Amino acid sequence: MTITPFKLERYFSEHEFTAKYLLCSSDPESMSIGELLAFEPGASEGLGQTWLGYTEYPGVGHGSWLPAYDEPELWPWMFSHRLGDAKKKG
């Protein structure tokens, strides 16, 4: 499959480093984890309590989402989150 480049990427590839004044950029600013977490009150504590897991399903190849959907912990965890929850907690 060939995906046509987006207009924004084509524009930046031509002008990003040659424009006299660039009022935007196509890349995020670099910052430390601490600086990033400072944007959200309580984010440091939340990050420290975040469980990072990894599950490998031998022999399933690219179709790993199928056995993942059968994991009993997945759906309660997924539906326990709502857009904007982090802002309500802060």
PDB file of N, CA and C in Angstrom:
ATOM      1  N   MET A   1       0.841  -1.164   0.000  1.00  0.00           N
ATOM      2  CA  MET A   1       0.000   0.000   0.000  1.00  0.00           C
ATOM      3  C   MET A   1       0.895   1.239   0.000  1.00  0.00           C
ATOM      4  N   THR A   2       0.564   2.212  -0.797  1.00  0.00           N
ATOM      5  CA  THR A   2       1.291   3.473  -0.837  1.00  0.00           C
ATOM      6  C   THR A   2       0.374   4.579  -0.333  1.00  0.00           C
ATOM      7  N   ILE A   3       0.822   5.290   0.686  1.00  0.00           N
ATOM      8  CA  ILE A   3       0.030   6.385   1.250  1.00  0.00           C
ATOM      9  C   ILE A   3       0.583   7.698   0.727  1.00  0.00           C
ATOM     10  N   THR A   4      -0.286   8.510   0.172  1.00  0.00           N
ATOM     11  CA  THR A   4       0.115   9.816  -0.341  1.00  0.00           C
ATOM     12  C   THR A   4       0.500  10.725   0.825  1.00  0.00           C
ATOM     13  N   PRO A   5       1.627  11.420   0.744  1.00  0.00           N
ATOM     14  CA  PRO A   5       2.028  12.319   1.835  1.00  0.00           C
ATOM     15  C   PRO A   5       0.969  13.406   2.064  1.00  0.00           C
ATOM     16  N   PHE A   6       0.803  13.773   3.326  1.00  0.00           N
ATOM     17  CA  PHE A   6      -0.139  14.825   3.662  1.00  0.00           C
ATOM     18  C   PHE A   6       0.389  16.171   3.177  1.00  0.00           C
ATOM     19  N   LYS A   7      -0.521  17.091   2.899  1.00  0.00           N
ATOM     20  CA  LYS A   7      -0.125  18.415   2.412  1.00  0.00           C
ATOM     21  C   LYS A   7       0.784  19.133   3.407  1.00  0.00           C
ATOM     22  N   LEU A   8       0.496  18.996   4.700  1.00  0.00           N
ATOM     23  CA  LEU A   8       1.319  19.670   5.700  1.00  0.00           C
ATOM     24  C   LEU A   8       2.756  19.174   5.652  1.00  0.00           C
ATOM     25  N   GLU A   9       2.941  17.867   5.551  1.00  0.00           N
ATOM     26  CA  GLU A   9       4.297  17.321   5.476  1.00  0.00           C
ATOM     27  C   GLU A   9       5.008  17.781   4.210  1.00  0.00           C
ATOM     28  N   ARG A  10       4.284  17.854   3.103  1.00  0.00           N
ATOM     29  CA  ARG A  10       4.904  18.343   1.862  1.00  0.00           C
ATOM     30  C   ARG A  10       5.305  19.801   2.005  1.00  0.00           C
ATOM     31  N   TYR A  11       4.461  20.601   2.645  1.00  0.00           N
ATOM     32  CA  TYR A  11       4.763  22.017   2.865  1.00  0.00           C
ATOM     33  C   TYR A  11       6.017  22.162   3.729  1.00  0.00           C
ATOM     34  N   PHE A  12       6.049  21.443   4.863  1.00  0.00           N
ATOM     35  CA  PHE A  12       7.195  21.555   5.753  1.00  0.00           C
ATOM     36  C   PHE A  12       8.470  21.045   5.111  1.00  0.00           C
ATOM     37  N   SER A  13       8.371  19.983   4.320  1.00  0.00           N
ATOM     38  CA  SER A  13       9.593  19.472   3.693  1.00  0.00           C
ATOM     39  C   SER A  13      10.205  20.504   2.752  1.00  0.00           C
ATOM     40  N   GLU A  14       9.372  21.383   2.229  1.00  0.00           N
ATOM     41  CA  GLU A  14       9.871  22.413   1.314  1.00  0.00           C
ATOM     42  C   GLU A  14      10.286  23.690   2.039  1.00  0.00           C
ATOM     43  N   HIS A  15       9.561  24.074   3.088  1.00  0.00           N
ATOM     44  CA  HIS A  15       9.762  25.407   3.675  1.00  0.00           C
ATOM     45  C   HIS A  15      10.254  25.459   5.121  1.00  0.00           C
ATOM     46  N   GLU A  16      10.215  24.365   5.852  1.00  0.00           N
ATOM     47  CA  GLU A  16      10.482  24.419   7.287  1.00  0.00           C
ATOM     48  C   GLU A  16      11.842  25.019   7.632  1.00  0.00           C
ATOM     49  N   PHE A  17      12.866  24.700   6.896  1.00  0.00           N
ATOM     50  CA  PHE A  17      14.202  25.180   7.234  1.00  0.00           C
ATOM     51  C   PHE A  17      14.687  26.315   6.339  1.00  0.00           C
ATOM     52  N   THR A  18      13.807  26.794   5.465  1.00  0.00           N
ATOM     53  CA  THR A  18      14.209  27.886   4.572  1.00  0.00           C
ATOM     54  C   THR A  18      13.395  29.156   4.780  1.00  0.00           C
ATOM     55  N   ALA A  19      12.264  29.071   5.479  1.00  0.00           N
ATOM     56  CA  ALA A  19      11.430  30.257   5.699  1.00  0.00           C
ATOM     57  C   ALA A  19      12.133  31.221   6.652  1.00  0.00           C
ATOM     58  N   LYS A  20      12.046  32.522   6.354  1.00  0.00           N
ATOM     59  CA  LYS A  20      12.667  33.515   7.219  1.00  0.00           C
ATOM     60  C   LYS A  20      11.995  33.523   8.591  1.00  0.00           C
ATOM     61  N   TYR A  21      10.678  33.458   8.624  1.00  0.00           N
ATOM     62  CA  TYR A  21       9.917  33.421   9.867  1.00  0.00           C
ATOM     63  C   TYR A  21       8.983  32.215   9.823  1.00  0.00           C
ATOM     64  N   LEU A  22       9.117  31.337  10.787  1.00  0.00           N
ATOM     65  CA  LEU A  22       8.258  30.166  10.862  1.00  0.00           C
ATOM     66  C   LEU A  22       7.392  30.320  12.105  1.00  0.00           C
ATOM     67  N   LEU A  23       6.087  30.450  11.899  1.00  0.00           N
ATOM     68  CA  LEU A  23       5.176  30.700  13.010  1.00  0.00           C
ATOM     69  C   LEU A  23       4.630  29.417  13.629  1.00  0.00           C
ATOM     70  N   CYS A  24       5.098  28.298  13.181  1.00  0.00           N
ATOM     71  CA  CYS A  24       4.699  27.013  13.751  1.00  0.00           C
ATOM     72  C   CYS A  24       5.799  26.010  13.436  1.00  0.00           C
ATOM     73  N   SER A  25       5.656  24.813  13.961  1.00  0.00           N
ATOM     74  CA  SER A  25       6.640  23.783  13.663  1.00  0.00           C
ATOM     75  C   SER A  25       5.936  22.445  13.537  1.00  0.00           C
ATOM     76  N   SER A  26       6.589  21.501  12.926  1.00  0.00           N
ATOM     77  CA  SER A  26       5.993  20.183  12.726  1.00  0.00           C
ATOM     78  C   SER A  26       6.468  19.178  13.755  1.00  0.00           C
ATOM     79  N   ASP A  27       7.262  19.624  14.719  1.00  0.00           N
ATOM     80  CA  ASP A  27       7.782  18.695  15.711  1.00  0.00           C
ATOM     81  C   ASP A  27       7.551  19.245  17.111  1.00  0.00           C
ATOM     82  N   PRO A  28       7.438  18.375  18.099  1.00  0.00           N
ATOM     83  CA  PRO A  28       7.223  18.847  19.460  1.00  0.00           C
ATOM     84  C   PRO A  28       8.509  19.400  20.054  1.00  0.00           C
ATOM     85  N   GLU A  29       8.342  20.248  21.030  1.00  0.00           N
ATOM     86  CA  GLU A  29       9.493  20.784  21.738  1.00  0.00           C
ATOM     87  C   GLU A  29      10.054  19.696  22.641  1.00  0.00           C
ATOM     88  N   SER A  30      11.360  19.669  22.778  1.00  0.00           N
ATOM     89  CA  SER A  30      11.997  18.721  23.685  1.00  0.00           C
ATOM     90  C   SER A  30      11.840  19.211  25.111  1.00  0.00           C
ATOM     91  N   MET A  31      11.614  18.278  26.019  1.00  0.00           N
ATOM     92  CA  MET A  31      11.508  18.624  27.434  1.00  0.00           C
ATOM     93  C   MET A  31      11.781  17.385  28.262  1.00  0.00           C
ATOM     94  N   SER A  32      12.047  17.608  29.529  1.00  0.00           N
ATOM     95  CA  SER A  32      12.277  16.480  30.430  1.00  0.00           C
ATOM     96  C   SER A  32      10.935  15.880  30.844  1.00  0.00           C
ATOM     97  N   ILE A  33      10.968  14.682  31.387  1.00  0.00           N
ATOM     98  CA  ILE A  33       9.752  14.043  31.895  1.00  0.00           C
ATOM     99  C   ILE A  33       9.142  14.916  32.996  1.00  0.00           C
ATOM    100  N   GLY A  34       9.997  15.485  33.844  1.00  0.00           N
ATOM    101  CA  GLY A  34       9.518  16.348  34.925  1.00  0.00           C
ATOM    102  C   GLY A  34       8.768  17.561  34.398  1.00  0.00           C
ATOM    103  N   GLU A  35       9.299  18.190  33.362  1.00  0.00           N
ATOM    104  CA  GLU A  35       8.627  19.351  32.767  1.00  0.00           C
ATOM    105  C   GLU A  35       7.277  18.952  32.173  1.00  0.00           C
ATOM    106  N   LEU A  36       7.240  17.809  31.521  1.00  0.00           N
ATOM    107  CA  LEU A  36       5.988  17.334  30.940  1.00  0.00           C
ATOM    108  C   LEU A  36       4.956  17.047  32.023  1.00  0.00           C
ATOM    109  N   LEU A  37       5.369  16.364  33.075  1.00  0.00           N
ATOM    110  CA  LEU A  37       4.450  16.027  34.161  1.00  0.00           C
ATOM    111  C   LEU A  37       3.954  17.255  34.905  1.00  0.00           C
ATOM    112  N   ALA A  38       4.733  18.335  34.893  1.00  0.00           N
ATOM    113  CA  ALA A  38       4.333  19.559  35.586  1.00  0.00           C
ATOM    114  C   ALA A  38       3.102  20.208  34.959  1.00  0.00           C
ATOM    115  N   PHE A  39       2.774  19.856  33.730  1.00  0.00           N
ATOM    116  CA  PHE A  39       1.583  20.411  33.086  1.00  0.00           C
ATOM    117  C   PHE A  39       0.291  19.914  33.721  1.00  0.00           C
ATOM    118  N   GLU A  40       0.334  18.767  34.354  1.00  0.00           N
ATOM    119  CA  GLU A  40      -0.871  18.156  34.921  1.00  0.00           C
ATOM    120  C   GLU A  40      -0.681  17.959  36.417  1.00  0.00           C
ATOM    121  N   PRO A  41      -1.440  18.665  37.261  1.00  0.00           N
ATOM    122  CA  PRO A  41      -1.311  18.480  38.709  1.00  0.00           C
ATOM    123  C   PRO A  41      -1.536  17.019  39.098  1.00  0.00           C
ATOM    124  N   GLY A  42      -0.658  16.502  39.930  1.00  0.00           N
ATOM    125  CA  GLY A  42      -0.784  15.127  40.399  1.00  0.00           C
ATOM    126  C   GLY A  42      -0.260  14.078  39.429  1.00  0.00           C
ATOM    127  N   ALA A  43       0.261  14.504  38.286  1.00  0.00           N
ATOM    128  CA  ALA A  43       0.705  13.539  37.279  1.00  0.00           C
ATOM    129  C   ALA A  43       1.903  12.719  37.749  1.00  0.00           C
ATOM    130  N   SER A  44       2.798  13.317  38.514  1.00  0.00           N
ATOM    131  CA  SER A  44       3.970  12.572  39.002  1.00  0.00           C
ATOM    132  C   SER A  44       3.543  11.414  39.890  1.00  0.00           C
ATOM    133  N   GLU A  45       2.600  11.680  40.790  1.00  0.00           N
ATOM    134  CA  GLU A  45       2.125  10.624  41.670  1.00  0.00           C
ATOM    135  C   GLU A  45       1.409   9.545  40.858  1.00  0.00           C
ATOM    136  N   GLY A  46       0.605   9.958  39.902  1.00  0.00           N
ATOM    137  CA  GLY A  46      -0.111   8.998  39.063  1.00  0.00           C
ATOM    138  C   GLY A  46       0.830   8.144  38.245  1.00  0.00           C
ATOM    139  N   LEU A  47       1.891   8.748  37.739  1.00  0.00           N
ATOM    140  CA  LEU A  47       2.862   7.996  36.953  1.00  0.00           C
ATOM    141  C   LEU A  47       3.552   6.953  37.823  1.00  0.00           C
ATOM    142  N   GLY A  48       3.861   7.334  39.044  1.00  0.00           N
ATOM    143  CA  GLY A  48       4.517   6.410  39.949  1.00  0.00           C
ATOM    144  C   GLY A  48       3.657   5.212  40.313  1.00  0.00           C
ATOM    145  N   GLN A  49       2.354   5.340  40.185  1.00  0.00           N
ATOM    146  CA  GLN A  49       1.439   4.242  40.504  1.00  0.00           C
ATOM    147  C   GLN A  49       0.995   3.478  39.266  1.00  0.00           C
ATOM    148  N   THR A  50       1.454   3.892  38.102  1.00  0.00           N
ATOM    149  CA  THR A  50       1.043   3.248  36.855  1.00  0.00           C
ATOM    150  C   THR A  50       1.731   1.905  36.691  1.00  0.00           C
ATOM    151  N   TRP A  51       0.948   0.888  36.429  1.00  0.00           N
ATOM    152  CA  TRP A  51       1.476  -0.448  36.180  1.00  0.00           C
ATOM    153  C   TRP A  51       1.753  -0.600  34.694  1.00  0.00           C
ATOM    154  N   LEU A  52       2.956  -0.984  34.353  1.00  0.00           N
ATOM    155  CA  LEU A  52       3.327  -1.220  32.964  1.00  0.00           C
ATOM    156  C   LEU A  52       3.438  -2.720  32.773  1.00  0.00           C
ATOM    157  N   GLY A  53       2.630  -3.246  31.910  1.00  0.00           N
ATOM    158  CA  GLY A  53       2.626  -4.683  31.701  1.00  0.00           C
ATOM    159  C   GLY A  53       2.928  -5.043  30.258  1.00  0.00           C
ATOM    160  N   TYR A  54       3.258  -6.274  30.078  1.00  0.00           N
ATOM    161  CA  TYR A  54       3.539  -6.790  28.745  1.00  0.00           C
ATOM    162  C   TYR A  54       3.073  -8.233  28.705  1.00  0.00           C
ATOM    163  N   THR A  55       2.313  -8.564  27.701  1.00  0.00           N
ATOM    164  CA  THR A  55       1.861  -9.934  27.522  1.00  0.00           C
ATOM    165  C   THR A  55       2.198 -10.365  26.109  1.00  0.00           C
ATOM    166  N   GLU A  56       2.802 -11.512  25.996  1.00  0.00           N
ATOM    167  CA  GLU A  56       3.127 -12.041  24.675  1.00  0.00           C
ATOM    168  C   GLU A  56       2.304 -13.299  24.433  1.00  0.00           C
ATOM    169  N   TYR A  57       1.739 -13.384  23.248  1.00  0.00           N
ATOM    170  CA  TYR A  57       0.925 -14.533  22.871  1.00  0.00           C
ATOM    171  C   TYR A  57       1.683 -15.306  21.794  1.00  0.00           C
ATOM    172  N   PRO A  58       2.410 -16.346  22.175  1.00  0.00           N
ATOM    173  CA  PRO A  58       3.207 -17.100  21.207  1.00  0.00           C
ATOM    174  C   PRO A  58       2.343 -17.695  20.098  1.00  0.00           C
ATOM    175  N   GLY A  59       2.855 -17.575  18.888  1.00  0.00           N
ATOM    176  CA  GLY A  59       2.225 -18.218  17.749  1.00  0.00           C
ATOM    177  C   GLY A  59       1.070 -17.475  17.111  1.00  0.00           C
ATOM    178  N   VAL A  60       0.722 -16.297  17.615  1.00  0.00           N
ATOM    179  CA  VAL A  60      -0.423 -15.599  17.018  1.00  0.00           C
ATOM    180  C   VAL A  60      -0.015 -14.535  16.010  1.00  0.00           C
ATOM    181  N   GLY A  61       1.266 -14.195  15.956  1.00  0.00           N
ATOM    182  CA  GLY A  61       1.729 -13.201  14.991  1.00  0.00           C
ATOM    183  C   GLY A  61       1.039 -11.863  15.176  1.00  0.00           C
ATOM    184  N   HIS A  62       0.643 -11.268  14.060  1.00  0.00           N
ATOM    185  CA  HIS A  62       0.053  -9.928  14.083  1.00  0.00           C
ATOM    186  C   HIS A  62      -1.332  -9.912  14.717  1.00  0.00           C
ATOM    187  N   GLY A  63      -1.982 -11.047  14.845  1.00  0.00           N
ATOM    188  CA  GLY A  63      -3.333 -11.093  15.402  1.00  0.00           C
ATOM    189  C   GLY A  63      -3.375 -11.144  16.918  1.00  0.00           C
ATOM    190  N   SER A  64      -2.443 -10.504  17.580  1.00  0.00           N
ATOM    191  CA  SER A  64      -2.368 -10.591  19.042  1.00  0.00           C
ATOM    192  C   SER A  64      -3.546  -9.920  19.737  1.00  0.00           C
ATOM    193  N   TRP A  65      -4.265  -9.054  19.060  1.00  0.00           N
ATOM    194  CA  TRP A  65      -5.399  -8.394  19.706  1.00  0.00           C
ATOM    195  C   TRP A  65      -6.528  -9.387  19.993  1.00  0.00           C
ATOM    196  N   LEU A  66      -6.626 -10.459  19.235  1.00  0.00           N
ATOM    197  CA  LEU A  66      -7.714 -11.417  19.452  1.00  0.00           C
ATOM    198  C   LEU A  66      -7.618 -12.082  20.826  1.00  0.00           C
ATOM    199  N   PRO A  67      -6.467 -12.674  21.204  1.00  0.00           N
ATOM    200  CA  PRO A  67      -6.397 -13.212  22.574  1.00  0.00           C
ATOM    201  C   PRO A  67      -6.371 -12.104  23.629  1.00  0.00           C
ATOM    202  N   ALA A  68      -5.866 -10.933  23.288  1.00  0.00           N
ATOM    203  CA  ALA A  68      -5.857  -9.827  24.259  1.00  0.00           C
ATOM    204  C   ALA A  68      -7.285  -9.452  24.631  1.00  0.00           C
ATOM    205  N   TYR A  69      -8.193  -9.461  23.662  1.00  0.00           N
ATOM    206  CA  TYR A  69      -9.590  -9.128  23.944  1.00  0.00           C
ATOM    207  C   TYR A  69     -10.241 -10.145  24.878  1.00  0.00           C
ATOM    208  N   ASP A  70      -9.683 -11.344  24.969  1.00  0.00           N
ATOM    209  CA  ASP A  70     -10.222 -12.368  25.863  1.00  0.00           C
ATOM    210  C   ASP A  70      -9.685 -12.256  27.290  1.00  0.00           C
ATOM    211  N   GLU A  71      -8.729 -11.360  27.519  1.00  0.00           N
ATOM    212  CA  GLU A  71      -8.179 -11.191  28.866  1.00  0.00           C
ATOM    213  C   GLU A  71      -9.251 -10.593  29.778  1.00  0.00           C
ATOM    214  N   PRO A  72      -9.544 -11.216  30.907  1.00  0.00           N
ATOM    215  CA  PRO A  72     -10.621 -10.723  31.774  1.00  0.00           C
ATOM    216  C   PRO A  72     -10.357  -9.340  32.363  1.00  0.00           C
ATOM    217  N   GLU A  73      -9.082  -8.928  32.485  1.00  0.00           N
ATOM    218  CA  GLU A  73      -8.782  -7.621  33.078  1.00  0.00           C
ATOM    219  C   GLU A  73      -8.912  -6.470  32.078  1.00  0.00           C
ATOM    220  N   LEU A  74      -8.928  -6.777  30.781  1.00  0.00           N
ATOM    221  CA  LEU A  74      -8.878  -5.717  29.774  1.00  0.00           C
ATOM    222  C   LEU A  74     -10.097  -4.806  29.812  1.00  0.00           C
ATOM    223  N   TRP A  75     -11.270  -5.365  29.713  1.00  0.00           N
ATOM    224  CA  TRP A  75     -12.471  -4.537  29.547  1.00  0.00           C
ATOM    225  C   TRP A  75     -12.792  -3.694  30.771  1.00  0.00           C
ATOM    226  N   PRO A  76     -12.732  -4.228  31.991  1.00  0.00           N
ATOM    227  CA  PRO A  76     -12.969  -3.346  33.144  1.00  0.00           C
ATOM    228  C   PRO A  76     -11.956  -2.205  33.202  1.00  0.00           C
ATOM    229  N   TRP A  77     -10.693  -2.525  32.908  1.00  0.00           N
ATOM    230  CA  TRP A  77      -9.677  -1.464  32.918  1.00  0.00           C
ATOM    231  C   TRP A  77      -9.979  -0.422  31.846  1.00  0.00           C
ATOM    232  N   MET A  78     -10.285  -0.874  30.633  1.00  0.00           N
ATOM    233  CA  MET A  78     -10.524   0.056  29.533  1.00  0.00           C
ATOM    234  C   MET A  78     -11.709   0.974  29.829  1.00  0.00           C
ATOM    235  N   PHE A  79     -12.800   0.395  30.334  1.00  0.00           N
ATOM    236  CA  PHE A  79     -14.004   1.197  30.561  1.00  0.00           C
ATOM    237  C   PHE A  79     -13.976   1.952  31.881  1.00  0.00           C
ATOM    238  N   SER A  80     -12.899   1.797  32.647  1.00  0.00           N
ATOM    239  CA  SER A  80     -12.761   2.589  33.867  1.00  0.00           C
ATOM    240  C   SER A  80     -12.166   3.962  33.565  1.00  0.00           C
ATOM    241  N   HIS A  81     -11.777   4.204  32.332  1.00  0.00           N
ATOM    242  CA  HIS A  81     -11.181   5.480  31.933  1.00  0.00           C
ATOM    243  C   HIS A  81     -12.157   6.259  31.054  1.00  0.00           C
ATOM    244  N   ARG A  82     -12.190   7.552  31.242  1.00  0.00           N
ATOM    245  CA  ARG A  82     -13.040   8.422  30.440  1.00  0.00           C
ATOM    246  C   ARG A  82     -12.234   9.646  30.013  1.00  0.00           C
ATOM    247  N   LEU A  83     -12.532  10.163  28.851  1.00  0.00           N
ATOM    248  CA  LEU A  83     -11.883  11.372  28.366  1.00  0.00           C
ATOM    249  C   LEU A  83     -12.132  12.498  29.360  1.00  0.00           C
ATOM    250  N   GLY A  84     -11.085  13.153  29.795  1.00  0.00           N
ATOM    251  CA  GLY A  84     -11.207  14.260  30.727  1.00  0.00           C
ATOM    252  C   GLY A  84     -11.079  13.856  32.184  1.00  0.00           C
ATOM    253  N   ASP A  85     -10.944  12.565  32.497  1.00  0.00           N
ATOM    254  CA  ASP A  85     -10.819  12.119  33.888  1.00  0.00           C
ATOM    255  C   ASP A  85      -9.644  12.769  34.596  1.00  0.00           C
ATOM    256  N   ALA A  86      -8.523  12.896  33.901  1.00  0.00           N
ATOM    257  CA  ALA A  86      -7.329  13.474  34.528  1.00  0.00           C
ATOM    258  C   ALA A  86      -7.587  14.907  34.975  1.00  0.00           C
ATOM    259  N   LYS A  87      -8.337  15.654  34.206  1.00  0.00           N
ATOM    260  CA  LYS A  87      -8.623  17.056  34.576  1.00  0.00           C
ATOM    261  C   LYS A  87      -9.568  17.125  35.762  1.00  0.00           C
ATOM    262  N   LYS A  88     -10.478  16.178  35.895  1.00  0.00           N
ATOM    263  CA  LYS A  88     -11.402  16.167  37.029  1.00  0.00           C
ATOM    264  C   LYS A  88     -10.675  15.892  38.329  1.00  0.00           C
ATOM    265  N   LYS A  89      -9.637  15.039  38.274  1.00  0.00           N
ATOM    266  CA  LYS A  89      -8.899  14.668  39.477  1.00  0.00           C
ATOM    267  C   LYS A  89      -8.030  15.808  39.988  1.00  0.00           C
ATOM    268  N   GLY A  90      -7.521  16.668  39.080  1.00  0.00           N
ATOM    269  CA  GLY A  90      -6.585  17.729  39.444  1.00  0.00           C
ATOM    270  C   GLY A  90      -7.265  18.825  40.143  1.00  0.00           C
TER     271      GLY A  90
END
